[in-house]
Amino acid sequence: MHATIPHTSSTSPLLLPREGVARLEHWGVIEVSGADSAGFLQGQLTNDVAHLSPTQARLAAFCSAKGRMQASFIALQGTKGDILLLCSKDLLAPTLKRLSMFVMRAKAQLRDASADYSIYGLLGASTGMDGDHAPEPWQARVLADTRVVQLYPALGVARQMCLIPAGAPAPEGPALSFDDWQCGEVLSGVATLTAAVVDAFVPQMLNYESVGGVSFKKGCYPGQEVVARSQFRGILKRRAYIVELQQPVVPSPAAQAGAALAMFAGQEVYSTQDASQPCGVVAQAARHATGRWVGIVSMQTSAAADHGLCLGSAGGAALALLPLPYALLEDI
């Protein structure tokens, strides 16, 4: 069985599987331990981790001094008072190196703990919940050594991320393909930063302030002035939107399994109203089981209003806007 929502393109509605479990090998884990771990991260990330509890997770970004996102994380408490930062594995090494530069005299140690854990994505019935009665996003629960984080749903289907010790049995449920999981990520409207788009966005360009990824009440962090100024001076001219490519894209025969992200993220988007310059960039993308492609595009709000969007050039393949599954902060 599948779930669906109203679809704005001219093709048939998109569907997602109602259940499944996917191994998320493209995610990694940074462990931050020591007496000052929470205080250290509080001064580095866009969200409040000082008050993190076992029943909460945090979406957060790590920014440059100019407010541009260098990485995004799901942060949660570990078993020994440490904090675990889940992030895209292709950004783990440079992010770990950069964060470590700021430790200085803080009693905090950072390491790549990816080998200690297995990360799974759970969809639909495999979460034990349905989309209408699922907990709020970023709630967490601990089951023995397993940590489960509630994510934003996609097409009304509940989604969770599950972190378990390496070697422990996988969560129960039918196997879910990488493409199906990635498609759900895109259709949830919450983008995960990858190497292809480092330094491309301030958090609001990916709607992070609207999905619980930015706290405007916490103390300073790199880029905080830029992020705050963007929010409170009414200059948010770029937002994230979900789009669908209106004609099929055939991957290169040399493309490896799971390479959809690298093939698509970072591509420019143009408006038919202005062929001279791009109006946005693809932040994340996935290939649907039908062969259709969906993506999260950060672009000018004025271009989104025009609806004449194309991939790669003003004469490229047409893009159709799909509805965001959450309200933007300015609309709440």
C-alpha atoms as a PDB file:
ATOM      1  CA  MET A   1       0.000   0.000   0.000  1.00  0.00           C
ATOM      2  CA  HIS A   2       1.078   3.570  -0.585  1.00  0.00           C
ATOM      3  CA  ALA A   3       0.259   7.062   0.628  1.00  0.00           C
ATOM      4  CA  THR A   4      -0.248  10.108  -1.547  1.00  0.00           C
ATOM      5  CA  ILE A   5      -0.835  13.860  -1.378  1.00  0.00           C
ATOM      6  CA  PRO A   6      -2.220  16.281  -3.986  1.00  0.00           C
ATOM      7  CA  HIS A   7       0.247  16.727  -6.820  1.00  0.00           C
ATOM      8  CA  THR A   8       0.755  19.910  -8.797  1.00  0.00           C
ATOM      9  CA  SER A   9       2.502  18.440 -11.833  1.00  0.00           C
ATOM     10  CA  SER A  10       0.789  17.103 -14.928  1.00  0.00           C
ATOM     11  CA  THR A  11       1.846  13.520 -14.212  1.00  0.00           C
ATOM     12  CA  SER A  12       0.301  10.970 -11.864  1.00  0.00           C
ATOM     13  CA  PRO A  13       0.674  11.390  -8.068  1.00  0.00           C
ATOM     14  CA  LEU A  14       3.878  10.265  -6.428  1.00  0.00           C
ATOM     15  CA  LEU A  15       3.695   7.295  -4.063  1.00  0.00           C
ATOM     16  CA  LEU A  16       5.877   5.957  -1.266  1.00  0.00           C
ATOM     17  CA  PRO A  17       6.000   2.447   0.215  1.00  0.00           C
ATOM     18  CA  ARG A  18       3.935   2.065   3.389  1.00  0.00           C
ATOM     19  CA  GLU A  19       6.731   0.246   5.235  1.00  0.00           C
ATOM     20  CA  GLY A  20      10.388  -0.669   5.016  1.00  0.00           C
ATOM     21  CA  VAL A  21      13.842  -0.521   6.599  1.00  0.00           C
ATOM     22  CA  ALA A  22      16.924   0.855   4.821  1.00  0.00           C
ATOM     23  CA  ARG A  23      20.565   0.735   5.946  1.00  0.00           C
ATOM     24  CA  LEU A  24      21.892   4.297   5.735  1.00  0.00           C
ATOM     25  CA  GLU A  25      25.551   3.757   4.963  1.00  0.00           C
ATOM     26  CA  HIS A  26      25.890   7.282   3.604  1.00  0.00           C
ATOM     27  CA  TRP A  27      25.491   8.679   7.141  1.00  0.00           C
ATOM     28  CA  GLY A  28      28.300   8.869   9.690  1.00  0.00           C
ATOM     29  CA  VAL A  29      28.657   9.679  13.399  1.00  0.00           C
ATOM     30  CA  ILE A  30      30.882  12.192  15.190  1.00  0.00           C
ATOM     31  CA  GLU A  31      31.156  11.539  18.929  1.00  0.00           C
ATOM     32  CA  VAL A  32      31.781  14.541  21.185  1.00  0.00           C
ATOM     33  CA  SER A  33      32.712  13.554  24.743  1.00  0.00           C
ATOM     34  CA  GLY A  34      34.137  15.246  27.830  1.00  0.00           C
ATOM     35  CA  ALA A  35      32.870  17.551  30.552  1.00  0.00           C
ATOM     36  CA  ASP A  36      32.553  20.519  28.170  1.00  0.00           C
ATOM     37  CA  SER A  37      31.029  18.676  25.203  1.00  0.00           C
ATOM     38  CA  ALA A  38      27.615  20.351  25.408  1.00  0.00           C
ATOM     39  CA  GLY A  39      29.062  23.791  26.095  1.00  0.00           C
ATOM     40  CA  PHE A  40      31.532  23.443  23.245  1.00  0.00           C
ATOM     41  CA  LEU A  41      28.840  22.479  20.729  1.00  0.00           C
ATOM     42  CA  GLN A  42      26.554  25.205  22.041  1.00  0.00           C
ATOM     43  CA  GLY A  43      29.093  27.715  20.753  1.00  0.00           C
ATOM     44  CA  GLN A  44      29.417  26.063  17.337  1.00  0.00           C
ATOM     45  CA  LEU A  45      25.960  24.999  16.114  1.00  0.00           C
ATOM     46  CA  THR A  46      22.805  26.860  15.140  1.00  0.00           C
ATOM     47  CA  ASN A  47      20.597  24.991  17.609  1.00  0.00           C
ATOM     48  CA  ASP A  48      20.456  24.616  21.383  1.00  0.00           C
ATOM     49  CA  VAL A  49      22.297  21.453  22.433  1.00  0.00           C
ATOM     50  CA  ALA A  50      23.045  22.587  25.990  1.00  0.00           C
ATOM     51  CA  HIS A  51      19.586  21.426  27.081  1.00  0.00           C
ATOM     52  CA  LEU A  52      19.487  18.239  25.013  1.00  0.00           C
ATOM     53  CA  SER A  53      17.781  15.330  26.788  1.00  0.00           C
ATOM     54  CA  PRO A  54      17.440  11.600  25.994  1.00  0.00           C
ATOM     55  CA  THR A  55      13.915  12.266  24.699  1.00  0.00           C
ATOM     56  CA  GLN A  56      15.013  14.928  22.219  1.00  0.00           C
ATOM     57  CA  ALA A  57      17.126  15.247  19.120  1.00  0.00           C
ATOM     58  CA  ARG A  58      18.205  18.453  17.437  1.00  0.00           C
ATOM     59  CA  LEU A  59      18.539  19.392  13.798  1.00  0.00           C
ATOM     60  CA  ALA A  60      21.448  21.836  13.557  1.00  0.00           C
ATOM     61  CA  ALA A  61      23.876  23.414  11.125  1.00  0.00           C
ATOM     62  CA  PHE A  62      27.570  24.229  11.444  1.00  0.00           C
ATOM     63  CA  CYS A  63      28.269  27.499   9.633  1.00  0.00           C
ATOM     64  CA  SER A  64      31.189  29.584   8.475  1.00  0.00           C
ATOM     65  CA  ALA A  65      31.746  33.093   9.794  1.00  0.00           C
ATOM     66  CA  LYS A  66      29.685  34.286   6.819  1.00  0.00           C
ATOM     67  CA  GLY A  67      26.721  32.179   7.929  1.00  0.00           C
ATOM     68  CA  ARG A  68      27.118  29.610   5.155  1.00  0.00           C
ATOM     69  CA  MET A  69      26.381  25.997   6.051  1.00  0.00           C
ATOM     70  CA  GLN A  70      29.418  23.720   6.227  1.00  0.00           C
ATOM     71  CA  ALA A  71      27.511  20.691   7.529  1.00  0.00           C
ATOM     72  CA  SER A  72      24.149  19.692   8.957  1.00  0.00           C
ATOM     73  CA  PHE A  73      23.583  17.338  11.878  1.00  0.00           C
ATOM     74  CA  ILE A  74      21.026  15.410  13.817  1.00  0.00           C
ATOM     75  CA  ALA A  75      22.344  15.678  17.372  1.00  0.00           C
ATOM     76  CA  LEU A  76      21.348  13.314  20.168  1.00  0.00           C
ATOM     77  CA  GLN A  77      22.640  12.136  23.507  1.00  0.00           C
ATOM     78  CA  GLY A  78      24.908   9.117  23.638  1.00  0.00           C
ATOM     79  CA  THR A  79      25.006   6.455  26.347  1.00  0.00           C
ATOM     80  CA  LYS A  80      27.889   7.934  28.364  1.00  0.00           C
ATOM     81  CA  GLY A  81      26.967  11.595  28.596  1.00  0.00           C
ATOM     82  CA  ASP A  82      28.469  12.216  25.171  1.00  0.00           C
ATOM     83  CA  ILE A  83      26.729  13.845  22.220  1.00  0.00           C
ATOM     84  CA  LEU A  84      26.448  12.142  18.848  1.00  0.00           C
ATOM     85  CA  LEU A  85      26.318  14.175  15.646  1.00  0.00           C
ATOM     86  CA  LEU A  86      24.840  12.292  12.697  1.00  0.00           C
ATOM     87  CA  CYS A  87      25.837  13.777   9.351  1.00  0.00           C
ATOM     88  CA  SER A  88      26.468  12.974   5.713  1.00  0.00           C
ATOM     89  CA  LYS A  89      29.517  10.713   5.595  1.00  0.00           C
ATOM     90  CA  ASP A  90      31.110  12.660   2.727  1.00  0.00           C
ATOM     91  CA  LEU A  91      31.366  15.689   5.040  1.00  0.00           C
ATOM     92  CA  LEU A  92      32.426  13.883   8.194  1.00  0.00           C
ATOM     93  CA  ALA A  93      36.219  14.089   7.861  1.00  0.00           C
ATOM     94  CA  PRO A  94      36.493  17.796   6.926  1.00  0.00           C
ATOM     95  CA  THR A  95      33.831  18.727   9.477  1.00  0.00           C
ATOM     96  CA  LEU A  96      35.569  16.778  12.234  1.00  0.00           C
ATOM     97  CA  LYS A  97      38.832  18.518  11.399  1.00  0.00           C
ATOM     98  CA  ARG A  98      37.262  21.970  11.341  1.00  0.00           C
ATOM     99  CA  LEU A  99      35.296  21.509  14.563  1.00  0.00           C
ATOM    100  CA  SER A 100      38.407  20.185  16.306  1.00  0.00           C
ATOM    101  CA  MET A 101      40.199  23.448  15.517  1.00  0.00           C
ATOM    102  CA  PHE A 102      37.805  25.290  17.848  1.00  0.00           C
ATOM    103  CA  VAL A 103      38.161  23.020  20.885  1.00  0.00           C
ATOM    104  CA  MET A 104      41.164  24.937  22.315  1.00  0.00           C
ATOM    105  CA  ARG A 105      41.009  24.659  26.125  1.00  0.00           C
ATOM    106  CA  ALA A 106      37.566  23.066  26.303  1.00  0.00           C
ATOM    107  CA  LYS A 107      37.375  19.631  27.879  1.00  0.00           C
ATOM    108  CA  ALA A 108      35.924  18.027  24.769  1.00  0.00           C
ATOM    109  CA  GLN A 109      37.189  15.253  22.537  1.00  0.00           C
ATOM    110  CA  LEU A 110      35.889  14.604  19.041  1.00  0.00           C
ATOM    111  CA  ARG A 111      36.262  11.411  17.025  1.00  0.00           C
ATOM    112  CA  ASP A 112      34.768   9.573  14.080  1.00  0.00           C
ATOM    113  CA  ALA A 113      32.539   6.965  15.736  1.00  0.00           C
ATOM    114  CA  SER A 114      30.879   5.707  12.551  1.00  0.00           C
ATOM    115  CA  ALA A 115      32.343   2.208  12.957  1.00  0.00           C
ATOM    116  CA  ASP A 116      30.664   1.886  16.366  1.00  0.00           C
ATOM    117  CA  TYR A 117      27.132   2.236  15.020  1.00  0.00           C
ATOM    118  CA  SER A 118      24.743   1.141  12.310  1.00  0.00           C
ATOM    119  CA  ILE A 119      22.176   3.662  11.114  1.00  0.00           C
ATOM    120  CA  TYR A 120      18.827   2.649   9.655  1.00  0.00           C
ATOM    121  CA  GLY A 121      15.898   4.516   8.168  1.00  0.00           C
ATOM    122  CA  LEU A 122      12.412   3.266   9.038  1.00  0.00           C
ATOM    123  CA  LEU A 123       9.384   4.072   6.928  1.00  0.00           C
ATOM    124  CA  GLY A 124       5.675   3.736   7.569  1.00  0.00           C
ATOM    125  CA  ALA A 125       4.462   0.675   9.473  1.00  0.00           C
ATOM    126  CA  SER A 126       8.058  -0.285  10.268  1.00  0.00           C
ATOM    127  CA  THR A 127       8.155   2.691  12.670  1.00  0.00           C
ATOM    128  CA  GLY A 128       5.246   1.216  14.628  1.00  0.00           C
ATOM    129  CA  MET A 129       3.284   4.423  13.972  1.00  0.00           C
ATOM    130  CA  ASP A 130       1.214   6.018  11.251  1.00  0.00           C
ATOM    131  CA  GLY A 131       1.718   9.482   9.842  1.00  0.00           C
ATOM    132  CA  ASP A 132      -1.410  10.930  11.481  1.00  0.00           C
ATOM    133  CA  HIS A 133      -0.474   9.860  15.017  1.00  0.00           C
ATOM    134  CA  ALA A 134       3.320   9.929  14.952  1.00  0.00           C
ATOM    135  CA  PRO A 135       5.177  12.005  17.571  1.00  0.00           C
ATOM    136  CA  GLU A 136       6.415  15.457  16.685  1.00  0.00           C
ATOM    137  CA  PRO A 137       9.648  15.552  14.643  1.00  0.00           C
ATOM    138  CA  TRP A 138      12.930  15.463  16.596  1.00  0.00           C
ATOM    139  CA  GLN A 139      11.471  13.549  19.521  1.00  0.00           C
ATOM    140  CA  ALA A 140      13.743  10.684  20.527  1.00  0.00           C
ATOM    141  CA  ARG A 141      13.451   7.523  22.579  1.00  0.00           C
ATOM    142  CA  VAL A 142      15.938   5.053  23.979  1.00  0.00           C
ATOM    143  CA  LEU A 143      15.340   1.301  23.768  1.00  0.00           C
ATOM    144  CA  ALA A 144      18.266  -0.465  25.505  1.00  0.00           C
ATOM    145  CA  ASP A 145      21.267   0.583  23.353  1.00  0.00           C
ATOM    146  CA  THR A 146      19.084   1.740  20.455  1.00  0.00           C
ATOM    147  CA  ARG A 147      18.196   5.357  19.789  1.00  0.00           C
ATOM    148  CA  VAL A 148      15.236   6.277  17.620  1.00  0.00           C
ATOM    149  CA  VAL A 149      14.646   9.784  16.239  1.00  0.00           C
ATOM    150  CA  GLN A 150      11.312  10.860  14.791  1.00  0.00           C
ATOM    151  CA  LEU A 151      11.767  12.643  11.448  1.00  0.00           C
ATOM    152  CA  TYR A 152       9.443  14.789   9.376  1.00  0.00           C
ATOM    153  CA  PRO A 153       6.965  12.585   7.469  1.00  0.00           C
ATOM    154  CA  ALA A 154       6.852  12.325   3.688  1.00  0.00           C
ATOM    155  CA  LEU A 155       3.535  12.111   1.838  1.00  0.00           C
ATOM    156  CA  GLY A 156       1.942  11.471   5.211  1.00  0.00           C
ATOM    157  CA  VAL A 157       4.139   8.407   5.844  1.00  0.00           C
ATOM    158  CA  ALA A 158       5.936   8.299   9.209  1.00  0.00           C
ATOM    159  CA  ARG A 159       9.750   8.265   9.122  1.00  0.00           C
ATOM    160  CA  GLN A 160      12.385   7.500  11.759  1.00  0.00           C
ATOM    161  CA  MET A 161      16.135   7.213  12.019  1.00  0.00           C
ATOM    162  CA  CYS A 162      17.438   4.380  14.166  1.00  0.00           C
ATOM    163  CA  LEU A 163      20.959   4.252  15.634  1.00  0.00           C
ATOM    164  CA  ILE A 164      22.112   0.897  17.018  1.00  0.00           C
ATOM    165  CA  PRO A 165      25.488  -0.549  18.098  1.00  0.00           C
ATOM    166  CA  ALA A 166      27.490  -2.067  15.252  1.00  0.00           C
ATOM    167  CA  GLY A 167      26.797  -5.774  14.900  1.00  0.00           C
ATOM    168  CA  ALA A 168      23.394  -5.644  16.618  1.00  0.00           C
ATOM    169  CA  PRO A 169      20.383  -7.042  14.728  1.00  0.00           C
ATOM    170  CA  ALA A 170      18.760  -4.709  12.240  1.00  0.00           C
ATOM    171  CA  PRO A 171      15.267  -3.372  12.963  1.00  0.00           C
ATOM    172  CA  GLU A 172      12.491  -5.642  11.736  1.00  0.00           C
ATOM    173  CA  GLY A 173      10.737  -4.863   8.494  1.00  0.00           C
ATOM    174  CA  PRO A 174      10.924  -5.450   4.747  1.00  0.00           C
ATOM    175  CA  ALA A 175      13.986  -4.132   2.945  1.00  0.00           C
ATOM    176  CA  LEU A 176      13.618  -0.601   1.629  1.00  0.00           C
ATOM    177  CA  SER A 177      15.716   0.538  -1.312  1.00  0.00           C
ATOM    178  CA  PHE A 178      18.161   3.431  -1.060  1.00  0.00           C
ATOM    179  CA  ASP A 179      16.168   5.307  -3.712  1.00  0.00           C
ATOM    180  CA  ASP A 180      12.909   4.945  -1.778  1.00  0.00           C
ATOM    181  CA  TRP A 181      14.519   6.255   1.407  1.00  0.00           C
ATOM    182  CA  GLN A 182      16.162   9.173  -0.410  1.00  0.00           C
ATOM    183  CA  CYS A 183      12.881   9.982  -2.119  1.00  0.00           C
ATOM    184  CA  GLY A 184      11.220  10.161   1.286  1.00  0.00           C
ATOM    185  CA  GLU A 185      13.986  12.470   2.528  1.00  0.00           C
ATOM    186  CA  VAL A 186      13.411  14.847  -0.357  1.00  0.00           C
ATOM    187  CA  LEU A 187       9.622  14.772  -0.061  1.00  0.00           C
ATOM    188  CA  SER A 188       9.888  15.548   3.670  1.00  0.00           C
ATOM    189  CA  GLY A 189      11.343  18.919   2.642  1.00  0.00           C
ATOM    190  CA  VAL A 190      14.235  18.675   5.134  1.00  0.00           C
ATOM    191  CA  ALA A 191      17.550  18.724   3.284  1.00  0.00           C
ATOM    192  CA  THR A 192      20.760  17.101   4.510  1.00  0.00           C
ATOM    193  CA  LEU A 193      23.871  19.011   3.483  1.00  0.00           C
ATOM    194  CA  THR A 194      26.405  17.093   1.366  1.00  0.00           C
ATOM    195  CA  ALA A 195      29.806  17.928  -0.114  1.00  0.00           C
ATOM    196  CA  ALA A 196      28.265  19.063  -3.403  1.00  0.00           C
ATOM    197  CA  VAL A 197      26.610  22.086  -1.786  1.00  0.00           C
ATOM    198  CA  VAL A 198      28.937  23.105   1.058  1.00  0.00           C
ATOM    199  CA  ASP A 199      29.057  26.886   1.521  1.00  0.00           C
ATOM    200  CA  ALA A 200      26.015  27.396  -0.740  1.00  0.00           C
ATOM    201  CA  PHE A 201      23.327  28.259   1.814  1.00  0.00           C
ATOM    202  CA  VAL A 202      22.585  30.128   4.989  1.00  0.00           C
ATOM    203  CA  PRO A 203      20.244  27.937   7.078  1.00  0.00           C
ATOM    204  CA  GLN A 204      17.071  29.823   6.090  1.00  0.00           C
ATOM    205  CA  MET A 205      17.758  29.051   2.426  1.00  0.00           C
ATOM    206  CA  LEU A 206      16.956  25.444   3.353  1.00  0.00           C
ATOM    207  CA  ASN A 207      14.062  26.423   5.666  1.00  0.00           C
ATOM    208  CA  TYR A 208      16.023  25.271   8.716  1.00  0.00           C
ATOM    209  CA  GLU A 209      14.402  27.906  10.932  1.00  0.00           C
ATOM    210  CA  SER A 210      10.993  26.420  10.023  1.00  0.00           C
ATOM    211  CA  VAL A 211      11.864  22.771  10.730  1.00  0.00           C
ATOM    212  CA  GLY A 212      13.539  23.192  14.112  1.00  0.00           C
ATOM    213  CA  GLY A 213      17.129  23.646  12.958  1.00  0.00           C
ATOM    214  CA  VAL A 214      17.853  27.155  14.309  1.00  0.00           C
ATOM    215  CA  SER A 215      17.433  28.671  17.762  1.00  0.00           C
ATOM    216  CA  PHE A 216      17.291  32.461  17.890  1.00  0.00           C
ATOM    217  CA  LYS A 217      17.449  32.463  21.700  1.00  0.00           C
ATOM    218  CA  LYS A 218      20.789  30.728  22.231  1.00  0.00           C
ATOM    219  CA  GLY A 219      24.186  32.376  22.426  1.00  0.00           C
ATOM    220  CA  CYS A 220      26.678  33.102  19.685  1.00  0.00           C
ATOM    221  CA  TYR A 221      28.080  30.653  17.149  1.00  0.00           C
ATOM    222  CA  PRO A 222      30.012  31.126  13.884  1.00  0.00           C
ATOM    223  CA  GLY A 223      27.814  33.040  11.436  1.00  0.00           C
ATOM    224  CA  GLN A 224      25.165  33.838  14.070  1.00  0.00           C
ATOM    225  CA  GLU A 225      24.975  37.536  13.184  1.00  0.00           C
ATOM    226  CA  VAL A 226      24.356  36.754   9.518  1.00  0.00           C
ATOM    227  CA  VAL A 227      21.690  34.166  10.328  1.00  0.00           C
ATOM    228  CA  ALA A 228      19.907  36.488  12.769  1.00  0.00           C
ATOM    229  CA  ARG A 229      20.092  39.474  10.419  1.00  0.00           C
ATOM    230  CA  SER A 230      18.618  37.419   7.585  1.00  0.00           C
ATOM    231  CA  GLN A 231      15.689  36.459   9.800  1.00  0.00           C
ATOM    232  CA  PHE A 232      14.803  39.723  11.469  1.00  0.00           C
ATOM    233  CA  ARG A 233      15.488  42.310   8.785  1.00  0.00           C
ATOM    234  CA  GLY A 234      13.007  40.821   6.354  1.00  0.00           C
ATOM    235  CA  ILE A 235      15.587  39.900   3.718  1.00  0.00           C
ATOM    236  CA  LEU A 236      14.748  36.221   3.206  1.00  0.00           C
ATOM    237  CA  LYS A 237      14.740  36.192  -0.576  1.00  0.00           C
ATOM    238  CA  ARG A 238      15.631  32.513  -0.994  1.00  0.00           C
ATOM    239  CA  ARG A 239      13.739  29.514   0.320  1.00  0.00           C
ATOM    240  CA  ALA A 240      13.737  25.757  -0.176  1.00  0.00           C
ATOM    241  CA  TYR A 241      11.077  24.186  -2.389  1.00  0.00           C
ATOM    242  CA  ILE A 242      10.287  20.635  -3.436  1.00  0.00           C
ATOM    243  CA  VAL A 243      10.284  20.097  -7.197  1.00  0.00           C
ATOM    244  CA  GLU A 244       9.726  17.295  -9.662  1.00  0.00           C
ATOM    245  CA  LEU A 245      11.531  16.934 -12.964  1.00  0.00           C
ATOM    246  CA  GLN A 246       8.900  16.800 -15.689  1.00  0.00           C
ATOM    247  CA  GLN A 247      10.748  14.480 -18.059  1.00  0.00           C
ATOM    248  CA  PRO A 248      12.735  11.303 -17.383  1.00  0.00           C
ATOM    249  CA  VAL A 249      16.473  11.427 -16.778  1.00  0.00           C
ATOM    250  CA  VAL A 250      18.481   8.361 -17.735  1.00  0.00           C
ATOM    251  CA  PRO A 251      21.607   7.965 -15.559  1.00  0.00           C
ATOM    252  CA  SER A 252      24.931   7.284 -17.249  1.00  0.00           C
ATOM    253  CA  PRO A 253      25.726   3.551 -17.565  1.00  0.00           C
ATOM    254  CA  ALA A 254      28.868   4.282 -15.537  1.00  0.00           C
ATOM    255  CA  ALA A 255      26.839   5.690 -12.634  1.00  0.00           C
ATOM    256  CA  GLN A 256      27.035   3.525  -9.545  1.00  0.00           C
ATOM    257  CA  ALA A 257      24.114   2.508  -7.354  1.00  0.00           C
ATOM    258  CA  GLY A 258      23.090   5.281  -4.985  1.00  0.00           C
ATOM    259  CA  ALA A 259      24.818   7.985  -7.050  1.00  0.00           C
ATOM    260  CA  ALA A 260      21.646   9.997  -7.617  1.00  0.00           C
ATOM    261  CA  LEU A 261      22.677  12.600  -5.070  1.00  0.00           C
ATOM    262  CA  ALA A 262      26.062  13.303  -6.659  1.00  0.00           C
ATOM    263  CA  MET A 263      24.559  13.433 -10.150  1.00  0.00           C
ATOM    264  CA  PHE A 264      21.972  16.019  -9.242  1.00  0.00           C
ATOM    265  CA  ALA A 265      22.891  18.038  -6.134  1.00  0.00           C
ATOM    266  CA  GLY A 266      24.570  21.312  -7.003  1.00  0.00           C
ATOM    267  CA  GLN A 267      22.892  21.668 -10.391  1.00  0.00           C
ATOM    268  CA  GLU A 268      21.616  25.144 -11.154  1.00  0.00           C
ATOM    269  CA  VAL A 269      17.975  26.020 -11.713  1.00  0.00           C
ATOM    270  CA  TYR A 270      16.763  28.773 -14.041  1.00  0.00           C
ATOM    271  CA  SER A 271      13.553  30.715 -14.408  1.00  0.00           C
ATOM    272  CA  THR A 272      12.030  31.276 -17.827  1.00  0.00           C
ATOM    273  CA  GLN A 273      11.639  34.891 -16.731  1.00  0.00           C
ATOM    274  CA  ASP A 274      15.434  35.402 -16.731  1.00  0.00           C
ATOM    275  CA  ALA A 275      17.637  33.179 -18.892  1.00  0.00           C
ATOM    276  CA  SER A 276      20.819  35.097 -18.062  1.00  0.00           C
ATOM    277  CA  GLN A 277      21.486  33.773 -14.569  1.00  0.00           C
ATOM    278  CA  PRO A 278      20.399  30.921 -12.295  1.00  0.00           C
ATOM    279  CA  CYS A 279      17.692  31.552  -9.731  1.00  0.00           C
ATOM    280  CA  GLY A 280      18.529  28.592  -7.518  1.00  0.00           C
ATOM    281  CA  VAL A 281      20.457  25.384  -6.935  1.00  0.00           C
ATOM    282  CA  VAL A 282      19.484  21.783  -6.216  1.00  0.00           C
ATOM    283  CA  ALA A 283      20.323  20.950  -2.587  1.00  0.00           C
ATOM    284  CA  GLN A 284      19.278  17.295  -2.615  1.00  0.00           C
ATOM    285  CA  ALA A 285      17.628  14.938  -5.068  1.00  0.00           C
ATOM    286  CA  ALA A 286      16.395  11.392  -5.466  1.00  0.00           C
ATOM    287  CA  ARG A 287      15.115   9.048  -8.125  1.00  0.00           C
ATOM    288  CA  HIS A 288      11.595   7.781  -7.502  1.00  0.00           C
ATOM    289  CA  ALA A 289      10.750   4.125  -8.085  1.00  0.00           C
ATOM    290  CA  THR A 290       8.872   5.134 -11.246  1.00  0.00           C
ATOM    291  CA  GLY A 291      12.047   6.673 -12.701  1.00  0.00           C
ATOM    292  CA  ARG A 292      10.863  10.208 -11.998  1.00  0.00           C
ATOM    293  CA  TRP A 293      13.156  12.599 -10.114  1.00  0.00           C
ATOM    294  CA  VAL A 294      12.364  14.878  -7.185  1.00  0.00           C
ATOM    295  CA  GLY A 295      14.573  17.440  -5.514  1.00  0.00           C
ATOM    296  CA  ILE A 296      14.844  20.136  -2.877  1.00  0.00           C
ATOM    297  CA  VAL A 297      15.785  23.390  -4.585  1.00  0.00           C
ATOM    298  CA  SER A 298      16.896  26.536  -2.790  1.00  0.00           C
ATOM    299  CA  MET A 299      15.882  29.467  -4.950  1.00  0.00           C
ATOM    300  CA  GLN A 300      14.625  33.005  -5.118  1.00  0.00           C
ATOM    301  CA  THR A 301      11.078  33.344  -3.841  1.00  0.00           C
ATOM    302  CA  SER A 302      10.233  35.545  -6.820  1.00  0.00           C
ATOM    303  CA  ALA A 303      11.241  32.759  -9.230  1.00  0.00           C
ATOM    304  CA  ALA A 304       9.111  30.235  -7.368  1.00  0.00           C
ATOM    305  CA  ALA A 305       6.121  32.536  -7.799  1.00  0.00           C
ATOM    306  CA  ASP A 306       6.650  32.601 -11.576  1.00  0.00           C
ATOM    307  CA  HIS A 307       6.412  28.785 -11.863  1.00  0.00           C
ATOM    308  CA  GLY A 308       8.531  28.722 -15.034  1.00  0.00           C
ATOM    309  CA  LEU A 309      11.450  26.670 -13.720  1.00  0.00           C
ATOM    310  CA  CYS A 310      14.022  24.668 -15.675  1.00  0.00           C
ATOM    311  CA  LEU A 311      17.000  22.505 -14.790  1.00  0.00           C
ATOM    312  CA  GLY A 312      20.483  23.489 -15.990  1.00  0.00           C
ATOM    313  CA  SER A 313      19.440  26.349 -18.286  1.00  0.00           C
ATOM    314  CA  ALA A 314      16.410  28.378 -19.249  1.00  0.00           C
ATOM    315  CA  GLY A 315      15.813  25.832 -22.011  1.00  0.00           C
ATOM    316  CA  GLY A 316      16.369  22.804 -19.802  1.00  0.00           C
ATOM    317  CA  ALA A 317      13.938  20.214 -18.530  1.00  0.00           C
ATOM    318  CA  ALA A 318      10.902  21.729 -16.841  1.00  0.00           C
ATOM    319  CA  LEU A 319      10.470  21.527 -13.067  1.00  0.00           C
ATOM    320  CA  ALA A 320       7.109  21.454 -11.296  1.00  0.00           C
ATOM    321  CA  LEU A 321       6.679  22.705  -7.748  1.00  0.00           C
ATOM    322  CA  LEU A 322       5.284  20.287  -5.176  1.00  0.00           C
ATOM    323  CA  PRO A 323       3.755  21.461  -1.875  1.00  0.00           C
ATOM    324  CA  LEU A 324       5.910  21.754   1.216  1.00  0.00           C
ATOM    325  CA  PRO A 325       4.617  19.484   4.009  1.00  0.00           C
ATOM    326  CA  TYR A 326       5.189  22.148   6.676  1.00  0.00           C
ATOM    327  CA  ALA A 327       4.490  25.846   7.171  1.00  0.00           C
ATOM    328  CA  LEU A 328       7.300  28.349   6.830  1.00  0.00           C
ATOM    329  CA  LEU A 329       8.072  30.307   9.974  1.00  0.00           C
ATOM    330  CA  GLU A 330       6.877  33.569   8.458  1.00  0.00           C
ATOM    331  CA  ASP A 331       3.484  31.928   7.871  1.00  0.00           C
ATOM    332  CA  ILE A 332       3.084  30.443  11.356  1.00  0.00           C
END
